[in-house]
Amino acid sequence: MLRQKITRLVIIVLIIALSFWFFINYMKTNVRYYHFFEDQRELFEDVKDGIDHIDKSKLEWQRSNPWGSLLYSVPNMFDDEVQPSLQDKINQINDLLGGELSRLRYYERDGQSLIIFVFDWERVDGDTYDIVYSKSRDALESYYSNRNVQYDLIKLDDDWYGTRIR
């Protein structure tokens, strides 16, 4: 009788733990910023293409800031090299998300570049989420590891990643 009770208790605890684990993993991938990326992928690609046409040597922060060049920052502050057509696309992303795009960064090191869309920088709604374009997952992991932050990395599509910074 006691053995059956212990077995039932162990099974119940395992079911609860497994349910909790599934819920946590579901929440990691069920981030609204990632869904927004899926819905607006073309707009993100347009911004990426616009950034590819910027003369990177003229970006102000690239050499002095270890986080990279700040192309956009709240409220509506753009680097001088960001053309009006690119500003419109960045503003469109921000408007569609109700003003939650905090920053847009460009980072380049050793021939590898990253384009980083930062959402909820001040962590009003919990964690900060980034959507990042990078041809090199290793460069992306190195970028976050060198900043001593805890992060989760999820591949969204080809060279696009979602990063949750805790």
C-alpha atoms as a PDB file:
ATOM      1  CA  MET A   1       0.000   0.000   0.000  1.00  0.00           C
ATOM      2  CA  LEU A   2       2.768   2.454   0.933  1.00  0.00           C
ATOM      3  CA  ARG A   3       4.702   1.462  -2.177  1.00  0.00           C
ATOM      4  CA  GLN A   4       1.685   2.309  -4.392  1.00  0.00           C
ATOM      5  CA  LYS A   5       1.283   5.724  -2.749  1.00  0.00           C
ATOM      6  CA  ILE A   6       4.965   6.522  -3.261  1.00  0.00           C
ATOM      7  CA  THR A   7       4.769   5.378  -6.886  1.00  0.00           C
ATOM      8  CA  ARG A   8       1.720   7.575  -7.507  1.00  0.00           C
ATOM      9  CA  LEU A   9       3.376  10.534  -5.830  1.00  0.00           C
ATOM     10  CA  VAL A  10       6.524  10.110  -7.954  1.00  0.00           C
ATOM     11  CA  ILE A  11       4.422   9.878 -11.124  1.00  0.00           C
ATOM     12  CA  ILE A  12       2.464  13.010 -10.195  1.00  0.00           C
ATOM     13  CA  VAL A  13       5.653  14.942  -9.441  1.00  0.00           C
ATOM     14  CA  LEU A  14       7.179  13.821 -12.757  1.00  0.00           C
ATOM     15  CA  ILE A  15       4.067  14.864 -14.691  1.00  0.00           C
ATOM     16  CA  ILE A  16       4.060  18.281 -13.022  1.00  0.00           C
ATOM     17  CA  ALA A  17       7.799  18.770 -13.657  1.00  0.00           C
ATOM     18  CA  LEU A  18       7.467  17.666 -17.275  1.00  0.00           C
ATOM     19  CA  SER A  19       4.469  19.968 -17.819  1.00  0.00           C
ATOM     20  CA  PHE A  20       6.406  22.882 -16.338  1.00  0.00           C
ATOM     21  CA  TRP A  21       9.409  22.117 -18.585  1.00  0.00           C
ATOM     22  CA  PHE A  22       7.199  22.024 -21.710  1.00  0.00           C
ATOM     23  CA  PHE A  23       5.538  25.307 -20.717  1.00  0.00           C
ATOM     24  CA  ILE A  24       8.901  27.052 -20.221  1.00  0.00           C
ATOM     25  CA  ASN A  25      10.216  25.826 -23.567  1.00  0.00           C
ATOM     26  CA  TYR A  26       6.980  26.839 -25.275  1.00  0.00           C
ATOM     27  CA  MET A  27       7.281  30.331 -23.798  1.00  0.00           C
ATOM     28  CA  LYS A  28      10.831  30.680 -25.128  1.00  0.00           C
ATOM     29  CA  THR A  29       9.626  30.235 -28.689  1.00  0.00           C
ATOM     30  CA  ASN A  30       6.266  31.938 -28.222  1.00  0.00           C
ATOM     31  CA  VAL A  31       7.674  35.447 -27.932  1.00  0.00           C
ATOM     32  CA  ARG A  32       5.591  38.057 -29.693  1.00  0.00           C
ATOM     33  CA  TYR A  33       8.688  39.749 -31.150  1.00  0.00           C
ATOM     34  CA  TYR A  34       9.574  36.502 -32.896  1.00  0.00           C
ATOM     35  CA  HIS A  35       6.042  36.206 -34.252  1.00  0.00           C
ATOM     36  CA  PHE A  36       6.243  39.814 -35.370  1.00  0.00           C
ATOM     37  CA  PHE A  37       9.457  38.956 -37.242  1.00  0.00           C
ATOM     38  CA  GLU A  38       7.709  36.045 -38.944  1.00  0.00           C
ATOM     39  CA  ASP A  39       4.830  38.293 -39.982  1.00  0.00           C
ATOM     40  CA  GLN A  40       7.052  41.202 -41.087  1.00  0.00           C
ATOM     41  CA  ARG A  41      10.104  39.338 -42.378  1.00  0.00           C
ATOM     42  CA  GLU A  42      10.152  41.372 -45.595  1.00  0.00           C
ATOM     43  CA  LEU A  43      10.326  44.639 -43.643  1.00  0.00           C
ATOM     44  CA  PHE A  44      13.289  43.348 -41.612  1.00  0.00           C
ATOM     45  CA  GLU A  45      14.989  42.290 -44.849  1.00  0.00           C
ATOM     46  CA  ASP A  46      14.410  45.778 -46.289  1.00  0.00           C
ATOM     47  CA  VAL A  47      16.075  47.351 -43.242  1.00  0.00           C
ATOM     48  CA  LYS A  48      18.971  44.887 -43.518  1.00  0.00           C
ATOM     49  CA  ASP A  49      19.401  45.761 -47.207  1.00  0.00           C
ATOM     50  CA  GLY A  50      19.325  49.480 -46.379  1.00  0.00           C
ATOM     51  CA  ILE A  51      22.028  49.002 -43.756  1.00  0.00           C
ATOM     52  CA  ASP A  52      24.150  47.103 -46.291  1.00  0.00           C
ATOM     53  CA  HIS A  53      24.256  50.301 -48.384  1.00  0.00           C
ATOM     54  CA  ILE A  54      25.529  52.526 -45.557  1.00  0.00           C
ATOM     55  CA  ASP A  55      29.154  53.639 -45.760  1.00  0.00           C
ATOM     56  CA  LYS A  56      30.302  51.871 -42.573  1.00  0.00           C
ATOM     57  CA  SER A  57      33.472  53.949 -42.311  1.00  0.00           C
ATOM     58  CA  LYS A  58      31.330  57.002 -41.517  1.00  0.00           C
ATOM     59  CA  LEU A  59      29.438  55.451 -38.629  1.00  0.00           C
ATOM     60  CA  GLU A  60      30.221  57.416 -35.477  1.00  0.00           C
ATOM     61  CA  TRP A  61      30.173  54.756 -32.765  1.00  0.00           C
ATOM     62  CA  GLN A  62      31.781  51.830 -34.558  1.00  0.00           C
ATOM     63  CA  ARG A  63      35.296  52.266 -33.237  1.00  0.00           C
ATOM     64  CA  SER A  64      34.585  53.593 -29.762  1.00  0.00           C
ATOM     65  CA  ASN A  65      31.619  51.506 -28.615  1.00  0.00           C
ATOM     66  CA  PRO A  66      32.045  47.781 -27.903  1.00  0.00           C
ATOM     67  CA  TRP A  67      28.304  47.318 -28.544  1.00  0.00           C
ATOM     68  CA  GLY A  68      28.644  48.643 -32.107  1.00  0.00           C
ATOM     69  CA  SER A  69      27.228  51.604 -33.967  1.00  0.00           C
ATOM     70  CA  LEU A  70      23.897  52.929 -32.811  1.00  0.00           C
ATOM     71  CA  LEU A  71      21.854  53.455 -35.971  1.00  0.00           C
ATOM     72  CA  TYR A  72      18.575  54.182 -34.176  1.00  0.00           C
ATOM     73  CA  SER A  73      17.653  54.972 -30.608  1.00  0.00           C
ATOM     74  CA  VAL A  74      14.440  56.012 -28.912  1.00  0.00           C
ATOM     75  CA  PRO A  75      13.020  58.616 -29.415  1.00  0.00           C
ATOM     76  CA  ASN A  76      13.535  58.886 -33.159  1.00  0.00           C
ATOM     77  CA  MET A  77      17.273  59.507 -33.062  1.00  0.00           C
ATOM     78  CA  PHE A  78      19.148  58.255 -36.123  1.00  0.00           C
ATOM     79  CA  ASP A  79      22.799  58.192 -37.078  1.00  0.00           C
ATOM     80  CA  ASP A  80      23.569  60.764 -39.785  1.00  0.00           C
ATOM     81  CA  GLU A  81      24.303  57.966 -42.261  1.00  0.00           C
ATOM     82  CA  VAL A  82      20.805  56.477 -42.025  1.00  0.00           C
ATOM     83  CA  GLN A  83      18.958  57.706 -45.108  1.00  0.00           C
ATOM     84  CA  PRO A  84      15.330  58.937 -44.858  1.00  0.00           C
ATOM     85  CA  SER A  85      13.976  55.881 -46.720  1.00  0.00           C
ATOM     86  CA  LEU A  86      15.702  53.579 -44.202  1.00  0.00           C
ATOM     87  CA  GLN A  87      14.455  55.759 -41.334  1.00  0.00           C
ATOM     88  CA  ASP A  88      10.904  55.258 -42.619  1.00  0.00           C
ATOM     89  CA  LYS A  89      11.298  51.460 -42.560  1.00  0.00           C
ATOM     90  CA  ILE A  90      12.773  51.502 -39.060  1.00  0.00           C
ATOM     91  CA  ASN A  91       9.950  53.769 -37.891  1.00  0.00           C
ATOM     92  CA  GLN A  92       7.440  51.406 -39.494  1.00  0.00           C
ATOM     93  CA  ILE A  93       8.774  48.495 -37.413  1.00  0.00           C
ATOM     94  CA  ASN A  94       8.636  50.647 -34.309  1.00  0.00           C
ATOM     95  CA  ASP A  95       5.100  51.860 -35.051  1.00  0.00           C
ATOM     96  CA  LEU A  96       3.784  48.360 -35.748  1.00  0.00           C
ATOM     97  CA  LEU A  97       5.099  47.267 -32.343  1.00  0.00           C
ATOM     98  CA  GLY A  98       3.664  50.234 -30.490  1.00  0.00           C
ATOM     99  CA  GLY A  99       7.011  51.942 -29.918  1.00  0.00           C
ATOM    100  CA  GLU A 100       8.851  48.947 -28.452  1.00  0.00           C
ATOM    101  CA  LEU A 101      11.881  49.070 -30.761  1.00  0.00           C
ATOM    102  CA  SER A 102      14.456  50.594 -28.426  1.00  0.00           C
ATOM    103  CA  ARG A 103      17.596  50.487 -30.546  1.00  0.00           C
ATOM    104  CA  LEU A 104      19.053  49.324 -33.811  1.00  0.00           C
ATOM    105  CA  ARG A 105      22.753  48.517 -33.758  1.00  0.00           C
ATOM    106  CA  TYR A 106      25.315  47.576 -36.358  1.00  0.00           C
ATOM    107  CA  TYR A 107      28.336  45.649 -35.124  1.00  0.00           C
ATOM    108  CA  GLU A 108      31.315  44.492 -37.143  1.00  0.00           C
ATOM    109  CA  ARG A 109      34.434  42.673 -36.030  1.00  0.00           C
ATOM    110  CA  ASP A 110      36.910  40.508 -37.942  1.00  0.00           C
ATOM    111  CA  GLY A 111      34.871  40.682 -41.130  1.00  0.00           C
ATOM    112  CA  GLN A 112      31.684  39.468 -39.447  1.00  0.00           C
ATOM    113  CA  SER A 113      28.739  41.825 -39.090  1.00  0.00           C
ATOM    114  CA  LEU A 114      25.599  41.795 -36.974  1.00  0.00           C
ATOM    115  CA  ILE A 115      22.434  43.852 -37.294  1.00  0.00           C
ATOM    116  CA  ILE A 116      20.712  43.940 -33.917  1.00  0.00           C
ATOM    117  CA  PHE A 117      17.116  45.063 -33.356  1.00  0.00           C
ATOM    118  CA  VAL A 118      16.744  45.637 -29.595  1.00  0.00           C
ATOM    119  CA  PHE A 119      13.246  45.495 -28.097  1.00  0.00           C
ATOM    120  CA  ASP A 120      12.272  46.664 -24.619  1.00  0.00           C
ATOM    121  CA  TRP A 121      15.789  47.715 -23.630  1.00  0.00           C
ATOM    122  CA  GLU A 122      14.651  48.957 -20.223  1.00  0.00           C
ATOM    123  CA  ARG A 123      12.982  45.604 -19.485  1.00  0.00           C
ATOM    124  CA  VAL A 124       9.586  47.072 -18.736  1.00  0.00           C
ATOM    125  CA  ASP A 125       7.923  43.788 -19.706  1.00  0.00           C
ATOM    126  CA  GLY A 126      10.561  41.416 -18.319  1.00  0.00           C
ATOM    127  CA  ASP A 127      13.511  40.404 -20.454  1.00  0.00           C
ATOM    128  CA  THR A 128      15.085  42.260 -23.358  1.00  0.00           C
ATOM    129  CA  TYR A 129      14.627  40.621 -26.739  1.00  0.00           C
ATOM    130  CA  ASP A 130      16.808  41.097 -29.788  1.00  0.00           C
ATOM    131  CA  ILE A 131      16.256  40.021 -33.344  1.00  0.00           C
ATOM    132  CA  VAL A 132      19.648  39.676 -34.959  1.00  0.00           C
ATOM    133  CA  TYR A 133      20.867  39.173 -38.495  1.00  0.00           C
ATOM    134  CA  SER A 134      24.235  37.449 -38.774  1.00  0.00           C
ATOM    135  CA  LYS A 135      25.812  35.146 -41.311  1.00  0.00           C
ATOM    136  CA  SER A 136      27.883  33.623 -38.507  1.00  0.00           C
ATOM    137  CA  ARG A 137      26.273  32.044 -35.459  1.00  0.00           C
ATOM    138  CA  ASP A 138      29.730  31.905 -33.865  1.00  0.00           C
ATOM    139  CA  ALA A 139      30.132  35.684 -34.225  1.00  0.00           C
ATOM    140  CA  LEU A 140      26.699  36.176 -32.692  1.00  0.00           C
ATOM    141  CA  GLU A 141      27.457  33.917 -29.735  1.00  0.00           C
ATOM    142  CA  SER A 142      30.807  35.646 -29.261  1.00  0.00           C
ATOM    143  CA  TYR A 143      29.133  39.067 -29.274  1.00  0.00           C
ATOM    144  CA  TYR A 144      26.816  38.173 -26.384  1.00  0.00           C
ATOM    145  CA  SER A 145      29.315  36.040 -24.490  1.00  0.00           C
ATOM    146  CA  ASN A 146      31.836  38.882 -24.434  1.00  0.00           C
ATOM    147  CA  ARG A 147      29.253  41.125 -22.756  1.00  0.00           C
ATOM    148  CA  ASN A 148      28.765  38.838 -19.763  1.00  0.00           C
ATOM    149  CA  VAL A 149      25.009  38.528 -20.180  1.00  0.00           C
ATOM    150  CA  GLN A 150      22.861  35.450 -19.875  1.00  0.00           C
ATOM    151  CA  TYR A 151      20.995  34.826 -23.097  1.00  0.00           C
ATOM    152  CA  ASP A 152      18.931  32.286 -24.991  1.00  0.00           C
ATOM    153  CA  LEU A 153      19.440  32.006 -28.728  1.00  0.00           C
ATOM    154  CA  ILE A 154      16.765  30.736 -31.104  1.00  0.00           C
ATOM    155  CA  LYS A 155      17.190  30.406 -34.861  1.00  0.00           C
ATOM    156  CA  LEU A 156      14.267  32.178 -36.515  1.00  0.00           C
ATOM    157  CA  ASP A 157      15.178  31.733 -40.173  1.00  0.00           C
ATOM    158  CA  ASP A 158      18.254  31.404 -42.394  1.00  0.00           C
ATOM    159  CA  ASP A 159      20.612  34.021 -40.904  1.00  0.00           C
ATOM    160  CA  TRP A 160      18.095  35.511 -38.443  1.00  0.00           C
ATOM    161  CA  TYR A 161      18.116  34.791 -34.707  1.00  0.00           C
ATOM    162  CA  GLY A 162      16.050  35.669 -31.682  1.00  0.00           C
ATOM    163  CA  THR A 163      17.906  36.426 -28.482  1.00  0.00           C
ATOM    164  CA  ARG A 164      16.377  36.745 -25.042  1.00  0.00           C
ATOM    165  CA  ILE A 165      18.645  38.539 -22.599  1.00  0.00           C
ATOM    166  CA  ARG A 166      17.910  37.696 -18.991  1.00  0.00           C
END
